[in-house]
């Protein structure tokens, strides 16, 4: 199986620092570190093209490049570059930062290694993260855009509150909004109030900015719905750190939400996801005049399997069926473990024949065996009930699918029953 790890180029001549940095970076995420000890080695790696790094970590002082020449090499190669060096003086630091690096990190404590790992992870996530800057000053927009692009963010700009609202509507995946308090038409505070009616703190972070040195602005921004406030005169490093903190908080909320919506045993979504997220999708489908079908799936005679082979085998069977559902799942469909041996699949915009084709393929893919235990070979089957697709609510759709499942069980199991069926689909 091919290595799917993302590649990082480390240029470091000290063996000890190279080893600990490699270890920290590979621990921080799904990364593979390629190390060069000299400028010449780094140049060869980049020219050969066998390794395609998305990021470079470089020391400033190398045997064949003692004055930070490697920074120009990696930037010219189009790589976001982080300097990780024990060399520090204000003049060197200023000149290196002007080259357009991501950050200048000192090798001054064990904590700096931890920060480096977090920074690499953040830059990686930034590559797919959208930020919207709203300011009526073209100069301020250009400056902020350049700074954030150095940090590998996807930057969108707007000149007014009205344009910002439309941009957010057209780009619902924007994660961070940076907004000035003085805008034409509505103020930044008024725009944020409107934005917060549509975007919660868990999906969009907002940083207010201003060139005005007024301490009261911070409180006013926060009361209007901002997560943070920055003066436009702040250093690039402070901007980067505040942006990182807000994006990291959003990512953590997203991770916790994902965990709360997942069944820990199978990895499928759970009932919470069904009634919180799929329910909203169902309402949207109905408003748009589209279909939304649900398949209720149950393992036949599961209690007998549990009693005969034990609960561990029963759990393994549930996991195997969940994996089979995931493998065959149509695009945009959602698989949910209701509980026990019962599953639900939400099928938006999928007509009855196509739904039945998916379910027939799933049913015919049985039997499955107890993974890792050749002694436990059995032939379980599944019964399925399929809703009509036109039910006005999630609750009514699930009731229809449940009734169809009940008919499938009562009529002999191992079959699919649809709400429109006059005959039963069986083996």
Protein backbone atom coordinates (compact mmCIF):
# COMPACT_ATOMS: atom_id res chain seq x y z
CA UNK A 1 0.00 0.00 0.00
CA UNK A 2 1.52 3.40 -0.97
CA UNK A 3 2.68 5.78 1.73
CA UNK A 4 0.05 8.50 2.06
CA UNK A 5 2.05 10.63 4.49
CA UNK A 6 2.69 14.25 3.51
CA UNK A 7 6.32 15.07 2.93
CA UNK A 8 8.34 17.76 4.72
CA UNK A 9 11.88 18.86 3.90
CA UNK A 10 14.12 19.42 6.93
CA UNK A 11 17.48 21.12 6.35
CA UNK A 12 19.59 20.68 9.49
CA UNK A 13 23.28 19.80 9.84
CA UNK A 14 23.29 18.94 13.58
CA UNK A 15 22.48 15.24 14.03
CA UNK A 16 20.86 15.69 17.44
CA UNK A 17 18.51 18.47 16.34
CA UNK A 18 17.72 16.61 13.13
CA UNK A 19 16.67 13.50 15.08
CA UNK A 20 14.54 15.29 17.68
CA UNK A 21 12.90 17.49 15.04
CA UNK A 22 12.09 14.49 12.83
CA UNK A 23 10.58 12.72 15.84
CA UNK A 24 8.48 15.71 16.89
CA UNK A 25 7.14 16.41 13.40
CA UNK A 26 6.26 12.79 12.67
CA UNK A 27 4.56 12.58 16.08
CA UNK A 28 2.57 15.75 15.39
CA UNK A 29 0.80 14.36 12.33
CA UNK A 30 0.79 12.05 9.34
CA UNK A 31 4.09 13.34 7.98
CA UNK A 32 7.29 11.94 6.52
CA UNK A 33 10.44 14.01 7.05
CA UNK A 34 13.24 14.02 4.47
CA UNK A 35 16.44 15.47 5.95
CA UNK A 36 19.25 17.27 4.16
CA UNK A 37 22.41 18.24 6.09
CA UNK A 38 23.74 20.75 3.59
CA UNK A 39 22.53 23.36 1.12
CA UNK A 40 23.80 21.16 -1.73
CA UNK A 41 21.84 18.13 -0.50
CA UNK A 42 18.67 20.20 -0.16
CA UNK A 43 19.14 21.58 -3.67
CA UNK A 44 19.62 18.09 -5.11
CA UNK A 45 16.49 16.77 -3.36
CA UNK A 46 14.40 19.63 -4.76
CA UNK A 47 15.85 19.35 -8.29
CA UNK A 48 15.41 15.57 -8.49
CA UNK A 49 11.74 15.87 -7.61
CA UNK A 50 11.44 12.39 -6.11
CA UNK A 51 10.29 13.96 -2.87
CA UNK A 52 7.51 16.54 -3.14
CA UNK A 53 7.41 18.38 0.19
CA UNK A 54 4.58 20.77 1.02
CA UNK A 55 6.70 22.59 3.64
CA UNK A 56 10.35 23.26 4.49
CA UNK A 57 11.95 23.54 7.94
CA UNK A 58 15.42 25.06 7.71
CA UNK A 59 18.34 26.03 9.89
CA UNK A 60 20.11 29.26 8.95
CA UNK A 61 23.70 28.16 9.44
CA UNK A 62 24.88 25.28 7.24
CA UNK A 63 28.43 24.16 6.37
CA UNK A 64 28.07 25.33 2.75
CA UNK A 65 25.56 28.15 3.37
CA UNK A 66 26.39 30.03 6.59
CA UNK A 67 24.20 33.09 6.03
CA UNK A 68 20.69 31.72 5.54
CA UNK A 69 21.00 31.14 1.79
CA UNK A 70 18.87 27.99 2.18
CA UNK A 71 15.84 30.20 2.89
CA UNK A 72 16.06 31.65 -0.63
CA UNK A 73 16.42 28.12 -2.02
CA UNK A 74 13.24 26.78 -0.44
CA UNK A 75 11.17 29.95 -1.05
CA UNK A 76 12.26 30.00 -4.71
CA UNK A 77 11.09 26.37 -4.89
CA UNK A 78 7.63 27.57 -3.85
CA UNK A 79 7.75 25.99 -0.40
CA UNK A 80 6.26 27.63 2.69
CA UNK A 81 9.33 27.90 4.91
CA UNK A 82 9.74 27.84 8.67
CA UNK A 83 13.12 28.82 10.10
CA UNK A 84 14.09 26.72 13.13
CA UNK A 85 17.41 28.02 14.34
CA UNK A 86 19.52 28.71 17.42
CA UNK A 87 20.86 31.83 15.79
CA UNK A 88 19.21 35.03 16.92
CA UNK A 89 19.81 38.72 16.58
CA UNK A 90 17.27 41.38 15.66
CA UNK A 91 18.94 42.29 12.38
CA UNK A 92 19.07 38.68 11.13
CA UNK A 93 15.53 38.03 12.28
CA UNK A 94 14.14 41.12 10.49
CA UNK A 95 15.95 40.34 7.24
CA UNK A 96 14.78 36.70 7.25
CA UNK A 97 11.17 37.63 8.03
CA UNK A 98 11.18 40.05 5.08
CA UNK A 99 11.87 37.12 2.75
CA UNK A 100 8.33 35.89 3.37
CA UNK A 101 8.81 32.94 5.70
CA UNK A 102 5.98 31.46 7.75
CA UNK A 103 7.72 31.89 11.11
CA UNK A 104 11.08 32.18 12.83
CA UNK A 105 11.30 29.66 15.68
CA UNK A 106 14.23 29.56 18.10
CA UNK A 107 15.84 26.36 19.36
CA UNK A 108 15.87 27.74 22.87
CA UNK A 109 13.80 25.25 24.87
CA UNK A 110 11.94 21.91 24.65
CA UNK A 111 8.72 23.94 24.37
CA UNK A 112 9.90 25.32 21.02
CA UNK A 113 9.81 21.79 19.59
CA UNK A 114 6.21 21.40 20.70
CA UNK A 115 5.34 24.75 19.16
CA UNK A 116 7.06 23.70 15.93
CA UNK A 117 4.94 20.55 15.71
CA UNK A 118 1.74 22.52 16.29
CA UNK A 119 2.82 25.10 13.71
CA UNK A 120 3.44 22.46 11.03
CA UNK A 121 0.01 20.98 11.73
CA UNK A 122 -1.60 24.41 11.53
CA UNK A 123 0.06 25.28 8.22
CA UNK A 124 -1.06 21.93 6.81
CA UNK A 125 -4.69 22.64 7.77
CA UNK A 126 -4.41 26.24 6.54
CA UNK A 127 -3.88 24.99 2.99
CA UNK A 128 -7.60 24.14 2.88
CA UNK A 129 -8.86 26.92 5.18
CA UNK A 130 -10.70 29.97 3.82
CA UNK A 131 -10.47 33.41 5.44
CA UNK A 132 -12.52 36.49 4.56
CA UNK A 133 -11.05 39.97 5.14
CA UNK A 134 -13.47 42.91 5.10
CA UNK A 135 -12.05 46.44 4.84
CA UNK A 136 -12.79 49.43 2.62
CA UNK A 137 -9.08 50.31 2.47
CA UNK A 138 -7.40 48.64 -0.51
CA UNK A 139 -3.99 49.12 1.14
CA UNK A 140 -5.09 47.42 4.37
CA UNK A 141 -6.70 44.58 2.41
CA UNK A 142 -3.56 43.99 0.34
CA UNK A 143 -1.31 44.00 3.41
CA UNK A 144 -3.47 41.58 5.42
CA UNK A 145 -3.99 39.33 2.41
CA UNK A 146 -0.24 39.08 1.81
CA UNK A 147 0.44 38.26 5.47
CA UNK A 148 -2.22 35.56 5.64
CA UNK A 149 -1.20 34.00 2.33
CA UNK A 150 2.31 33.61 3.72
CA UNK A 151 0.63 31.53 6.39
CA UNK A 152 -0.83 29.35 3.58
CA UNK A 153 -4.45 30.44 4.08
CA UNK A 154 -6.95 30.82 1.21
CA UNK A 155 -7.81 34.51 1.40
CA UNK A 156 -10.96 36.19 0.07
CA UNK A 157 -11.52 39.95 0.35
CA UNK A 158 -14.56 42.24 0.52
CA UNK A 159 -14.88 46.04 0.66
CA UNK A 160 -18.22 46.39 2.45
CA UNK A 161 -20.54 44.68 4.86
CA UNK A 162 -23.02 43.91 2.10
CA UNK A 163 -20.31 42.27 0.02
CA UNK A 164 -19.14 40.33 3.09
CA UNK A 165 -22.61 38.91 3.72
CA UNK A 166 -22.94 37.82 0.11
CA UNK A 167 -19.44 36.28 0.12
CA UNK A 168 -20.24 34.27 3.25
CA UNK A 169 -23.45 33.07 1.59
CA UNK A 170 -21.54 31.96 -1.50
CA UNK A 171 -18.70 30.41 0.55
CA UNK A 172 -20.24 28.61 3.56
CA UNK A 173 -16.90 26.91 4.26
CA UNK A 174 -15.20 30.18 5.29
CA UNK A 175 -13.84 29.59 8.80
CA UNK A 176 -12.46 32.99 9.78
CA UNK A 177 -13.69 36.53 9.25
CA UNK A 178 -11.41 39.54 9.85
CA UNK A 179 -13.48 42.74 9.77
CA UNK A 180 -12.74 46.45 10.20
CA UNK A 181 -15.07 48.50 12.40
CA UNK A 182 -15.36 51.36 9.88
CA UNK A 183 -17.14 50.25 6.71
CA UNK A 184 -19.28 52.07 4.13
CA UNK A 185 -22.99 51.71 4.79
CA UNK A 186 -23.19 49.56 7.93
CA UNK A 187 -20.46 49.52 10.58
CA UNK A 188 -18.45 46.41 11.28
CA UNK A 189 -20.42 45.95 14.52
CA UNK A 190 -23.75 46.00 12.68
CA UNK A 191 -22.46 43.55 10.07
CA UNK A 192 -21.23 41.17 12.79
CA UNK A 193 -24.64 41.23 14.46
CA UNK A 194 -26.20 40.09 11.17
CA UNK A 195 -23.52 37.47 10.64
CA UNK A 196 -24.01 35.98 14.10
CA UNK A 197 -27.69 35.39 13.32
CA UNK A 198 -26.57 32.95 10.62
CA UNK A 199 -23.17 31.70 11.78
CA UNK A 200 -22.48 30.35 15.26
CA UNK A 201 -19.26 30.62 17.24
CA UNK A 202 -18.69 26.91 16.55
CA UNK A 203 -18.51 27.36 12.76
CA UNK A 204 -17.10 30.85 12.18
CA UNK A 205 -14.45 32.76 14.12
CA UNK A 206 -14.49 36.57 13.88
CA UNK A 207 -11.56 38.91 14.58
CA UNK A 208 -12.31 42.62 14.69
CA UNK A 209 -9.60 45.03 13.55
CA UNK A 210 -9.12 48.77 13.73
CA UNK A 211 -6.48 51.41 13.17
CA UNK A 212 -8.04 53.46 15.97
CA UNK A 213 -6.26 53.24 19.30
CA UNK A 214 -9.39 53.13 21.47
CA UNK A 215 -9.52 50.55 24.31
CA UNK A 216 -13.33 50.59 24.25
CA UNK A 217 -13.33 49.04 20.78
CA UNK A 218 -12.24 45.65 22.12
CA UNK A 219 -15.27 45.32 24.38
CA UNK A 220 -17.59 46.63 21.67
CA UNK A 221 -16.29 44.09 19.15
CA UNK A 222 -16.66 41.22 21.63
CA UNK A 223 -20.19 42.30 22.58
CA UNK A 224 -21.13 42.43 18.90
CA UNK A 225 -20.10 38.81 18.33
CA UNK A 226 -16.36 38.85 17.68
CA UNK A 227 -14.06 36.20 19.13
CA UNK A 228 -11.06 38.51 19.24
CA UNK A 229 -9.76 41.99 18.45
CA UNK A 230 -6.51 43.25 16.90
CA UNK A 231 -5.05 46.65 16.19
CA UNK A 232 -3.92 47.01 12.57
CA UNK A 233 -0.50 48.06 13.83
CA UNK A 234 0.11 44.66 15.46
CA UNK A 235 3.17 42.68 14.40
CA UNK A 236 2.84 39.92 11.77
CA UNK A 237 3.69 37.39 14.49
CA UNK A 238 0.87 38.55 16.75
CA UNK A 239 -1.55 38.40 13.82
CA UNK A 240 -0.42 34.88 13.00
CA UNK A 241 -0.70 33.71 16.62
CA UNK A 242 -4.20 35.16 17.09
CA UNK A 243 -5.35 33.65 13.80
CA UNK A 244 -3.90 30.28 14.84
CA UNK A 245 -5.56 30.37 18.26
CA UNK A 246 -8.97 31.09 16.78
CA UNK A 247 -8.68 28.48 14.04
CA UNK A 248 -7.36 25.89 16.50
CA UNK A 249 -10.36 26.50 18.72
CA UNK A 250 -12.72 25.98 15.78
CA UNK A 251 -10.92 22.77 14.83
CA UNK A 252 -11.18 21.48 18.39
CA UNK A 253 -14.92 22.21 18.48
CA UNK A 254 -15.27 20.41 15.15
CA UNK A 255 -13.36 17.39 16.47
CA UNK A 256 -15.51 17.22 19.61
CA UNK A 257 -18.69 17.58 17.55
CA UNK A 258 -17.53 14.80 15.25
CA UNK A 259 -16.83 12.55 18.23
CA UNK A 260 -20.28 13.31 19.67
CA UNK A 261 -21.92 12.37 16.36
CA UNK A 262 -20.03 9.10 15.79
CA UNK A 263 -20.72 5.59 17.04
CA UNK A 264 -17.43 4.58 18.71
CA UNK A 265 -17.73 0.89 17.81
CA UNK A 266 -18.45 1.11 14.08
CA UNK A 267 -17.36 4.63 13.14
CA UNK A 268 -20.76 5.28 11.55
CA UNK A 269 -22.83 8.29 12.54
CA UNK A 270 -25.12 7.88 15.56
CA UNK A 271 -28.70 8.77 16.52
CA UNK A 272 -27.61 12.28 17.59
CA UNK A 273 -26.41 12.93 14.04
CA UNK A 274 -29.61 11.52 12.61
CA UNK A 275 -31.88 13.79 14.63
CA UNK A 276 -29.66 16.89 14.52
CA UNK A 277 -28.06 16.91 11.08
CA UNK A 278 -30.00 14.50 8.87
CA UNK A 279 -33.26 15.96 10.14
CA UNK A 280 -32.18 19.40 8.84
CA UNK A 281 -31.15 17.82 5.52
CA UNK A 282 -34.59 16.18 5.30
CA UNK A 283 -36.33 19.53 5.81
CA UNK A 284 -34.13 21.17 3.17
CA UNK A 285 -34.92 18.36 0.72
CA UNK A 286 -38.66 18.74 1.28
CA UNK A 287 -38.53 22.53 0.88
CA UNK A 288 -36.69 22.06 -2.41
CA UNK A 289 -39.25 19.50 -3.60
CA UNK A 290 -36.68 16.68 -3.62
CA UNK A 291 -36.87 13.09 -2.43
CA UNK A 292 -35.30 11.69 0.74
CA UNK A 293 -35.46 7.93 1.31
CA UNK A 294 -34.45 5.94 4.36
CA UNK A 295 -33.46 2.30 4.55
CA UNK A 296 -33.80 0.57 7.91
CA UNK A 297 -31.46 -2.43 8.06
CA UNK A 298 -31.48 -5.18 10.68
CA UNK A 299 -29.31 -8.29 11.07
CA UNK A 300 -31.52 -11.37 11.06
CA UNK A 301 -31.61 -13.57 14.19
CA UNK A 302 -28.87 -11.51 15.79
CA UNK A 303 -29.79 -12.63 19.32
CA UNK A 304 -29.28 -16.27 18.32
CA UNK A 305 -25.84 -15.42 16.93
CA UNK A 306 -24.96 -13.64 20.18
CA UNK A 307 -26.21 -16.56 22.28
CA UNK A 308 -24.38 -19.19 20.20
CA UNK A 309 -21.06 -17.47 19.52
CA UNK A 310 -20.84 -14.83 22.28
CA UNK A 311 -21.06 -11.06 22.42
CA UNK A 312 -17.56 -10.52 21.02
CA UNK A 313 -18.56 -12.34 17.85
CA UNK A 314 -21.80 -10.35 17.75
CA UNK A 315 -19.88 -7.09 18.04
CA UNK A 316 -17.51 -8.17 15.27
CA UNK A 317 -20.48 -8.97 13.06
CA UNK A 318 -21.99 -5.51 13.65
CA UNK A 319 -18.64 -3.91 12.77
CA UNK A 320 -18.35 -6.04 9.60
CA UNK A 321 -21.85 -5.11 8.41
CA UNK A 322 -21.13 -1.42 9.17
CA UNK A 323 -17.96 -1.60 7.07
CA UNK A 324 -19.87 -3.28 4.24
CA UNK A 325 -22.48 -0.51 4.31
CA UNK A 326 -19.72 2.13 4.22
CA UNK A 327 -17.97 0.41 1.30
CA UNK A 328 -21.14 0.34 -0.82
CA UNK A 329 -22.66 3.65 0.31
CA UNK A 330 -23.90 5.83 -2.59
CA UNK A 331 -22.56 9.41 -2.89
CA UNK A 332 -24.06 11.95 -0.44
CA UNK A 333 -25.78 9.15 1.49
CA UNK A 334 -25.41 8.92 5.26
CA UNK A 335 -24.99 5.69 7.23
CA UNK A 336 -26.15 5.63 10.85
CA UNK A 337 -26.03 2.97 13.54
CA UNK A 338 -29.36 3.27 15.33
CA UNK A 339 -28.31 0.89 18.10
CA UNK A 340 -27.67 -2.81 18.62
CA UNK A 341 -27.77 -4.55 15.24
CA UNK A 342 -29.98 -1.92 13.56
CA UNK A 343 -28.76 0.56 10.96
CA UNK A 344 -30.28 3.38 8.95
CA UNK A 345 -29.12 4.78 5.61
CA UNK A 346 -30.37 8.19 4.48
CA UNK A 347 -30.54 8.39 0.67
CA UNK A 348 -31.03 11.97 -0.61
CA UNK A 349 -31.99 12.40 -4.29
CA UNK A 350 -31.78 8.65 -4.97
CA UNK A 351 -34.80 7.10 -6.65
CA UNK A 352 -36.34 3.80 -5.59
CA UNK A 353 -34.73 1.58 -8.29
CA UNK A 354 -31.25 2.94 -7.50
CA UNK A 355 -31.87 2.62 -3.76
CA UNK A 356 -32.99 -1.00 -4.22
CA UNK A 357 -29.93 -1.71 -6.35
CA UNK A 358 -27.64 -0.50 -3.53
CA UNK A 359 -29.59 -2.46 -0.90
CA UNK A 360 -29.69 -5.62 -3.04
CA UNK A 361 -25.94 -5.42 -3.50
CA UNK A 362 -25.54 -4.98 0.25
CA UNK A 363 -27.81 -7.92 1.01
CA UNK A 364 -26.16 -10.20 -1.56
CA UNK A 365 -22.71 -9.32 -0.16
CA UNK A 366 -23.60 -11.38 2.90
CA UNK A 367 -22.49 -13.67 4.48
CA UNK A 368 -19.73 -12.11 6.46
CA UNK A 369 -17.57 -13.97 8.93
CA UNK A 370 -16.25 -13.18 12.36
CA UNK A 371 -13.06 -11.23 11.52
CA UNK A 372 -9.89 -12.90 12.77
CA UNK A 373 -11.59 -16.11 13.91
CA UNK A 374 -11.91 -18.84 11.29
CA UNK A 375 -13.75 -21.09 13.75
CA UNK A 376 -16.74 -18.73 13.79
CA UNK A 377 -18.04 -19.04 10.24
CA UNK A 378 -21.75 -18.47 9.79
CA UNK A 379 -24.14 -17.06 7.23
CA UNK A 380 -26.00 -14.07 8.65
CA UNK A 381 -28.56 -12.25 6.52
CA UNK A 382 -30.19 -8.83 6.70
CA UNK A 383 -33.73 -7.56 6.33
CA UNK A 384 -34.43 -4.08 4.93
CA UNK A 385 -37.33 -1.64 4.89
CA UNK A 386 -37.31 1.33 2.49
CA UNK A 387 -39.42 4.50 2.83
CA UNK A 388 -41.23 6.20 -0.06
CA UNK A 389 -39.03 9.32 -0.21
CA UNK A 390 -41.87 11.85 -0.05
CA UNK A 391 -42.60 11.83 3.70
CA UNK A 392 -42.81 15.37 5.05
CA UNK A 393 -40.80 14.73 8.22
CA UNK A 394 -37.93 12.55 9.36
CA UNK A 395 -40.13 10.94 12.00
CA UNK A 396 -42.79 9.91 9.48
CA UNK A 397 -40.16 8.60 7.04
CA UNK A 398 -38.57 6.45 9.74
CA UNK A 399 -42.00 5.09 10.74
CA UNK A 400 -42.66 4.03 7.13
CA UNK A 401 -39.22 2.40 6.82
CA UNK A 402 -39.72 0.64 10.18
CA UNK A 403 -43.09 -0.77 9.07
CA UNK A 404 -41.47 -2.08 5.88
CA UNK A 405 -38.69 -3.66 7.94
CA UNK A 406 -41.30 -5.31 10.16
CA UNK A 407 -42.99 -6.77 7.06
CA UNK A 408 -39.63 -8.08 5.84
CA UNK A 409 -39.04 -9.82 9.17
CA UNK A 410 -42.55 -11.27 9.38
CA UNK A 411 -42.52 -12.56 5.82
CA UNK A 412 -39.39 -14.66 6.24
CA UNK A 413 -36.41 -12.29 6.65
CA UNK A 414 -33.51 -11.87 4.22
CA UNK A 415 -35.43 -9.53 1.94
CA UNK A 416 -36.10 -5.91 1.02
CA UNK A 417 -39.58 -4.43 1.41
CA UNK A 418 -40.41 -1.00 0.01
CA UNK A 419 -43.41 1.17 0.86
CA UNK A 420 -44.67 0.76 -2.72
CA UNK A 421 -44.15 -3.01 -2.87
CA UNK A 422 -47.04 -5.31 -3.76
CA UNK A 423 -44.68 -8.28 -3.70
CA UNK A 424 -41.68 -9.02 -1.53
CA UNK A 425 -38.09 -9.03 -2.82
CA UNK A 426 -36.44 -12.19 -1.52
CA UNK A 427 -33.54 -14.46 -2.30
